[in-house]
Amino acid sequence: MSSRTLATIITALVLLAVLALMLRSWRRRTTRDATLPAGYPLPADRGRELASAAALYVATTPREAPLERLNIPGLGFRARGGVTVTERGVLLELAGSPALFIPADAVQLVADATVAIDRVVEPGGLLLLGWRLNTTGPEASGPETPTGVDSYFRFSDPVDRRAINEAIRSITAEPGKTEFGTEESEV
């Protein structure tokens, strides 16, 4: 056996081992996050639409671990879709997934961001939507269940990002509260 053949075989084995480890890791993450709820039940009356725009969904991460992607059903992979803000909350309609609803009272933060896991864009090019998971059921809670998560969206038009940001702020504003999620996200 030539040294070139041996090097090719070793390289192929190393690549297969790396791919097997990646697959194992993704399966563990899928099992771990399978019980996390994908949004909240869609309300019968969503209220008046305040803003809507096409977006690229980037990722959802635990608030305390911004470099760890969650594999919540419907939010595990990047997807094209739409973000609609109504009087009652935020509706995410992502390709290949059922619509996800986040009520206004579950929204904890909205801010511009530059970095999300494996995506770096121009300053303020992403919209960070921080929200509280629906952990009311027994299957949705455990010692490692995050309560606050951050979802990141990329809009092709900065005007759409600002409109969605302002609409979310308008439904989450509390009387007497002057600031809501004003800090810039840094990962």
C-alpha atoms as a PDB file:
ATOM      1  CA  MET A   1       0.000   0.000   0.000  1.00  0.00           C
ATOM      2  CA  SER A   2       1.429   3.358  -1.010  1.00  0.00           C
ATOM      3  CA  SER A   3       1.803   6.229   1.428  1.00  0.00           C
ATOM      4  CA  ARG A   4      -0.649   8.262  -0.649  1.00  0.00           C
ATOM      5  CA  THR A   5      -3.350   5.574  -0.312  1.00  0.00           C
ATOM      6  CA  LEU A   6      -2.720   5.317   3.423  1.00  0.00           C
ATOM      7  CA  ALA A   7      -3.003   9.104   3.840  1.00  0.00           C
ATOM      8  CA  THR A   8      -6.287   9.088   1.891  1.00  0.00           C
ATOM      9  CA  ILE A   9      -7.720   6.313   4.059  1.00  0.00           C
ATOM     10  CA  ILE A  10      -6.691   8.072   7.296  1.00  0.00           C
ATOM     11  CA  THR A  11      -8.178  11.372   6.104  1.00  0.00           C
ATOM     12  CA  ALA A  12     -11.440   9.671   5.144  1.00  0.00           C
ATOM     13  CA  LEU A  13     -11.647   7.941   8.544  1.00  0.00           C
ATOM     14  CA  VAL A  14     -11.037  11.218  10.398  1.00  0.00           C
ATOM     15  CA  LEU A  15     -13.730  12.966   8.356  1.00  0.00           C
ATOM     16  CA  LEU A  16     -16.198  10.133   9.011  1.00  0.00           C
ATOM     17  CA  ALA A  17     -15.438  10.302  12.742  1.00  0.00           C
ATOM     18  CA  VAL A  18     -16.036  14.072  12.791  1.00  0.00           C
ATOM     19  CA  LEU A  19     -19.321  13.676  10.900  1.00  0.00           C
ATOM     20  CA  ALA A  20     -20.425  10.907  13.286  1.00  0.00           C
ATOM     21  CA  LEU A  21     -19.680  13.134  16.303  1.00  0.00           C
ATOM     22  CA  MET A  22     -21.615  16.033  14.735  1.00  0.00           C
ATOM     23  CA  LEU A  23     -24.599  13.771  14.064  1.00  0.00           C
ATOM     24  CA  ARG A  24     -24.512  12.405  17.627  1.00  0.00           C
ATOM     25  CA  SER A  25     -24.356  15.913  19.048  1.00  0.00           C
ATOM     26  CA  TRP A  26     -27.325  17.096  16.950  1.00  0.00           C
ATOM     27  CA  ARG A  27     -29.380  14.047  17.967  1.00  0.00           C
ATOM     28  CA  ARG A  28     -28.665  14.707  21.651  1.00  0.00           C
ATOM     29  CA  ARG A  29     -29.693  18.341  21.226  1.00  0.00           C
ATOM     30  CA  THR A  30     -32.872  17.276  19.424  1.00  0.00           C
ATOM     31  CA  THR A  31     -33.741  14.875  22.255  1.00  0.00           C
ATOM     32  CA  ARG A  32     -32.925  17.483  24.904  1.00  0.00           C
ATOM     33  CA  ASP A  33     -35.038  20.223  23.278  1.00  0.00           C
ATOM     34  CA  ALA A  34     -37.936  18.057  22.018  1.00  0.00           C
ATOM     35  CA  THR A  35     -40.083  18.932  25.034  1.00  0.00           C
ATOM     36  CA  LEU A  36     -39.525  22.682  24.763  1.00  0.00           C
ATOM     37  CA  PRO A  37     -42.732  24.329  23.591  1.00  0.00           C
ATOM     38  CA  ALA A  38     -42.839  25.981  20.191  1.00  0.00           C
ATOM     39  CA  GLY A  39     -44.540  29.239  21.048  1.00  0.00           C
ATOM     40  CA  TYR A  40     -47.987  29.616  22.590  1.00  0.00           C
ATOM     41  CA  PRO A  41     -51.443  28.575  21.363  1.00  0.00           C
ATOM     42  CA  LEU A  42     -52.699  30.796  18.541  1.00  0.00           C
ATOM     43  CA  PRO A  43     -55.444  33.067  19.864  1.00  0.00           C
ATOM     44  CA  ALA A  44     -58.798  33.053  18.102  1.00  0.00           C
ATOM     45  CA  ASP A  45     -58.580  36.839  17.810  1.00  0.00           C
ATOM     46  CA  ARG A  46     -55.053  37.998  16.977  1.00  0.00           C
ATOM     47  CA  GLY A  47     -56.074  41.646  16.965  1.00  0.00           C
ATOM     48  CA  ARG A  48     -55.249  44.302  14.426  1.00  0.00           C
ATOM     49  CA  GLU A  49     -52.030  43.862  12.412  1.00  0.00           C
ATOM     50  CA  LEU A  50     -49.467  46.544  13.278  1.00  0.00           C
ATOM     51  CA  ALA A  51     -46.538  45.497  11.061  1.00  0.00           C
ATOM     52  CA  SER A  52     -45.521  42.603   8.852  1.00  0.00           C
ATOM     53  CA  ALA A  53     -42.356  41.819   6.900  1.00  0.00           C
ATOM     54  CA  ALA A  54     -40.489  38.987   5.219  1.00  0.00           C
ATOM     55  CA  ALA A  55     -37.463  37.830   7.182  1.00  0.00           C
ATOM     56  CA  LEU A  56     -34.756  35.225   7.482  1.00  0.00           C
ATOM     57  CA  TYR A  57     -35.030  33.446  10.815  1.00  0.00           C
ATOM     58  CA  VAL A  58     -31.470  32.867  12.065  1.00  0.00           C
ATOM     59  CA  ALA A  59     -31.566  31.062  15.435  1.00  0.00           C
ATOM     60  CA  THR A  60     -32.998  30.812  18.940  1.00  0.00           C
ATOM     61  CA  THR A  61     -30.638  30.584  21.907  1.00  0.00           C
ATOM     62  CA  PRO A  62     -31.021  30.445  25.688  1.00  0.00           C
ATOM     63  CA  ARG A  63     -30.592  33.962  27.105  1.00  0.00           C
ATOM     64  CA  GLU A  64     -27.791  32.769  29.419  1.00  0.00           C
ATOM     65  CA  ALA A  65     -25.960  30.865  26.644  1.00  0.00           C
ATOM     66  CA  PRO A  66     -26.012  32.970  23.459  1.00  0.00           C
ATOM     67  CA  LEU A  67     -23.714  30.585  21.581  1.00  0.00           C
ATOM     68  CA  GLU A  68     -25.902  27.498  22.074  1.00  0.00           C
ATOM     69  CA  ARG A  69     -28.560  26.933  19.443  1.00  0.00           C
ATOM     70  CA  LEU A  70     -31.844  25.475  20.683  1.00  0.00           C
ATOM     71  CA  ASN A  71     -33.610  22.870  18.554  1.00  0.00           C
ATOM     72  CA  ILE A  72     -37.146  23.850  19.549  1.00  0.00           C
ATOM     73  CA  PRO A  73     -39.664  22.296  17.130  1.00  0.00           C
ATOM     74  CA  GLY A  74     -40.117  24.791  14.308  1.00  0.00           C
ATOM     75  CA  LEU A  75     -37.144  26.914  15.409  1.00  0.00           C
ATOM     76  CA  GLY A  76     -34.241  24.489  15.015  1.00  0.00           C
ATOM     77  CA  PHE A  77     -33.073  25.559  11.566  1.00  0.00           C
ATOM     78  CA  ARG A  78     -32.702  28.764   9.604  1.00  0.00           C
ATOM     79  CA  ALA A  79     -35.744  29.504   7.512  1.00  0.00           C
ATOM     80  CA  ARG A  80     -37.303  32.141   5.338  1.00  0.00           C
ATOM     81  CA  GLY A  81     -40.670  33.389   6.408  1.00  0.00           C
ATOM     82  CA  GLY A  82     -42.555  36.293   7.841  1.00  0.00           C
ATOM     83  CA  VAL A  83     -42.863  38.172  11.108  1.00  0.00           C
ATOM     84  CA  THR A  84     -46.219  39.769  11.860  1.00  0.00           C
ATOM     85  CA  VAL A  85     -46.879  41.948  14.888  1.00  0.00           C
ATOM     86  CA  THR A  86     -50.492  42.249  16.008  1.00  0.00           C
ATOM     87  CA  GLU A  87     -52.112  43.885  19.015  1.00  0.00           C
ATOM     88  CA  ARG A  88     -51.930  40.541  20.855  1.00  0.00           C
ATOM     89  CA  GLY A  89     -48.367  39.478  20.049  1.00  0.00           C
ATOM     90  CA  VAL A  90     -45.867  38.320  17.448  1.00  0.00           C
ATOM     91  CA  LEU A  91     -46.691  35.690  14.822  1.00  0.00           C
ATOM     92  CA  LEU A  92     -43.815  33.799  13.170  1.00  0.00           C
ATOM     93  CA  GLU A  93     -44.648  32.046   9.916  1.00  0.00           C
ATOM     94  CA  LEU A  94     -41.528  30.154   8.880  1.00  0.00           C
ATOM     95  CA  ALA A  95     -41.201  27.905   5.840  1.00  0.00           C
ATOM     96  CA  GLY A  96     -41.703  24.249   6.701  1.00  0.00           C
ATOM     97  CA  SER A  97     -43.147  24.877  10.166  1.00  0.00           C
ATOM     98  CA  PRO A  98     -46.555  25.631  11.636  1.00  0.00           C
ATOM     99  CA  ALA A  99     -47.153  29.247  12.655  1.00  0.00           C
ATOM    100  CA  LEU A 100     -45.713  30.167  16.067  1.00  0.00           C
ATOM    101  CA  PHE A 101     -47.281  32.781  18.316  1.00  0.00           C
ATOM    102  CA  ILE A 102     -45.590  34.764  21.078  1.00  0.00           C
ATOM    103  CA  PRO A 103     -48.048  36.837  23.139  1.00  0.00           C
ATOM    104  CA  ALA A 104     -47.130  40.410  24.009  1.00  0.00           C
ATOM    105  CA  ASP A 105     -46.810  39.611  27.709  1.00  0.00           C
ATOM    106  CA  ALA A 106     -44.182  36.926  26.945  1.00  0.00           C
ATOM    107  CA  VAL A 107     -41.935  39.383  25.079  1.00  0.00           C
ATOM    108  CA  GLN A 108     -39.101  40.483  27.357  1.00  0.00           C
ATOM    109  CA  LEU A 109     -36.715  42.273  25.030  1.00  0.00           C
ATOM    110  CA  VAL A 110     -36.442  43.671  21.537  1.00  0.00           C
ATOM    111  CA  ALA A 111     -33.168  45.128  20.322  1.00  0.00           C
ATOM    112  CA  ASP A 112     -30.864  45.471  17.362  1.00  0.00           C
ATOM    113  CA  ALA A 113     -28.035  42.931  17.247  1.00  0.00           C
ATOM    114  CA  THR A 114     -24.941  42.314  15.165  1.00  0.00           C
ATOM    115  CA  VAL A 115     -23.987  38.736  16.121  1.00  0.00           C
ATOM    116  CA  ALA A 116     -26.028  35.534  16.444  1.00  0.00           C
ATOM    117  CA  ILE A 117     -24.235  32.183  16.817  1.00  0.00           C
ATOM    118  CA  ASP A 118     -22.761  31.810  13.318  1.00  0.00           C
ATOM    119  CA  ARG A 119     -24.064  34.991  11.715  1.00  0.00           C
ATOM    120  CA  VAL A 120     -22.260  38.344  11.844  1.00  0.00           C
ATOM    121  CA  VAL A 121     -23.763  41.288   9.989  1.00  0.00           C
ATOM    122  CA  GLU A 122     -23.406  45.051   9.856  1.00  0.00           C
ATOM    123  CA  PRO A 123     -24.042  46.858  13.168  1.00  0.00           C
ATOM    124  CA  GLY A 124     -27.733  46.527  14.058  1.00  0.00           C
ATOM    125  CA  GLY A 125     -28.481  44.287  11.071  1.00  0.00           C
ATOM    126  CA  LEU A 126     -30.352  41.671  13.113  1.00  0.00           C
ATOM    127  CA  LEU A 127     -33.466  41.961  15.242  1.00  0.00           C
ATOM    128  CA  LEU A 128     -33.217  40.219  18.618  1.00  0.00           C
ATOM    129  CA  LEU A 129     -36.577  39.163  20.040  1.00  0.00           C
ATOM    130  CA  GLY A 130     -36.200  38.052  23.655  1.00  0.00           C
ATOM    131  CA  TRP A 131     -39.166  36.093  24.982  1.00  0.00           C
ATOM    132  CA  ARG A 132     -40.246  33.771  27.769  1.00  0.00           C
ATOM    133  CA  LEU A 133     -40.938  30.134  26.866  1.00  0.00           C
ATOM    134  CA  ASN A 134     -44.378  28.706  27.566  1.00  0.00           C
ATOM    135  CA  THR A 135     -43.385  26.538  30.532  1.00  0.00           C
ATOM    136  CA  THR A 136     -46.868  25.976  31.949  1.00  0.00           C
ATOM    137  CA  GLY A 137     -47.050  22.252  31.134  1.00  0.00           C
ATOM    138  CA  PRO A 138     -45.151  19.560  33.074  1.00  0.00           C
ATOM    139  CA  GLU A 139     -43.380  18.429  29.895  1.00  0.00           C
ATOM    140  CA  ALA A 140     -41.962  21.911  29.369  1.00  0.00           C
ATOM    141  CA  SER A 141     -40.069  22.248  32.614  1.00  0.00           C
ATOM    142  CA  GLY A 142     -37.006  20.688  34.066  1.00  0.00           C
ATOM    143  CA  PRO A 143     -33.744  21.604  35.725  1.00  0.00           C
ATOM    144  CA  GLU A 144     -32.110  22.623  32.430  1.00  0.00           C
ATOM    145  CA  THR A 145     -35.128  24.259  30.801  1.00  0.00           C
ATOM    146  CA  PRO A 146     -34.327  27.842  29.806  1.00  0.00           C
ATOM    147  CA  THR A 147     -37.104  30.289  30.559  1.00  0.00           C
ATOM    148  CA  GLY A 148     -35.811  33.230  28.566  1.00  0.00           C
ATOM    149  CA  VAL A 149     -34.731  32.741  24.968  1.00  0.00           C
ATOM    150  CA  ASP A 150     -33.538  35.063  22.216  1.00  0.00           C
ATOM    151  CA  SER A 151     -34.624  34.642  18.598  1.00  0.00           C
ATOM    152  CA  TYR A 152     -32.737  36.440  15.839  1.00  0.00           C
ATOM    153  CA  PHE A 153     -34.133  37.662  12.518  1.00  0.00           C
ATOM    154  CA  ARG A 154     -32.508  39.220   9.455  1.00  0.00           C
ATOM    155  CA  PHE A 155     -34.600  41.568   7.318  1.00  0.00           C
ATOM    156  CA  SER A 156     -33.496  42.436   3.790  1.00  0.00           C
ATOM    157  CA  ASP A 157     -34.757  46.012   4.228  1.00  0.00           C
ATOM    158  CA  PRO A 158     -33.685  47.988   7.334  1.00  0.00           C
ATOM    159  CA  VAL A 159     -36.998  49.865   7.155  1.00  0.00           C
ATOM    160  CA  ASP A 160     -38.836  46.567   7.779  1.00  0.00           C
ATOM    161  CA  ARG A 161     -36.585  45.803  10.768  1.00  0.00           C
ATOM    162  CA  ARG A 162     -37.309  49.215  12.302  1.00  0.00           C
ATOM    163  CA  ALA A 163     -41.052  48.864  11.668  1.00  0.00           C
ATOM    164  CA  ILE A 164     -41.184  45.440  13.338  1.00  0.00           C
ATOM    165  CA  ASN A 165     -39.020  46.706  16.220  1.00  0.00           C
ATOM    166  CA  GLU A 166     -41.302  49.708  16.813  1.00  0.00           C
ATOM    167  CA  ALA A 167     -44.475  47.607  16.546  1.00  0.00           C
ATOM    168  CA  ILE A 168     -43.172  45.123  19.128  1.00  0.00           C
ATOM    169  CA  ARG A 169     -42.211  47.975  21.430  1.00  0.00           C
ATOM    170  CA  SER A 170     -45.704  49.433  21.086  1.00  0.00           C
ATOM    171  CA  ILE A 171     -47.428  46.238  22.268  1.00  0.00           C
ATOM    172  CA  THR A 172     -45.019  45.617  25.130  1.00  0.00           C
ATOM    173  CA  ALA A 173     -44.801  49.141  26.522  1.00  0.00           C
ATOM    174  CA  GLU A 174     -45.992  49.390  30.088  1.00  0.00           C
ATOM    175  CA  PRO A 175     -47.518  52.628  31.385  1.00  0.00           C
ATOM    176  CA  GLY A 176     -44.865  54.639  33.195  1.00  0.00           C
ATOM    177  CA  LYS A 177     -42.011  52.559  31.788  1.00  0.00           C
ATOM    178  CA  THR A 178     -39.698  54.659  29.624  1.00  0.00           C
ATOM    179  CA  GLU A 179     -37.330  51.996  28.295  1.00  0.00           C
ATOM    180  CA  PHE A 180     -37.810  48.523  26.912  1.00  0.00           C
ATOM    181  CA  GLY A 181     -34.893  46.473  25.625  1.00  0.00           C
ATOM    182  CA  THR A 182     -32.740  49.401  24.679  1.00  0.00           C
ATOM    183  CA  GLU A 183     -29.371  47.767  25.082  1.00  0.00           C
ATOM    184  CA  GLU A 184     -27.383  46.584  22.070  1.00  0.00           C
ATOM    185  CA  SER A 185     -26.942  42.809  22.056  1.00  0.00           C
ATOM    186  CA  GLU A 186     -23.346  41.669  22.278  1.00  0.00           C
ATOM    187  CA  VAL A 187     -22.479  38.008  22.107  1.00  0.00           C
END
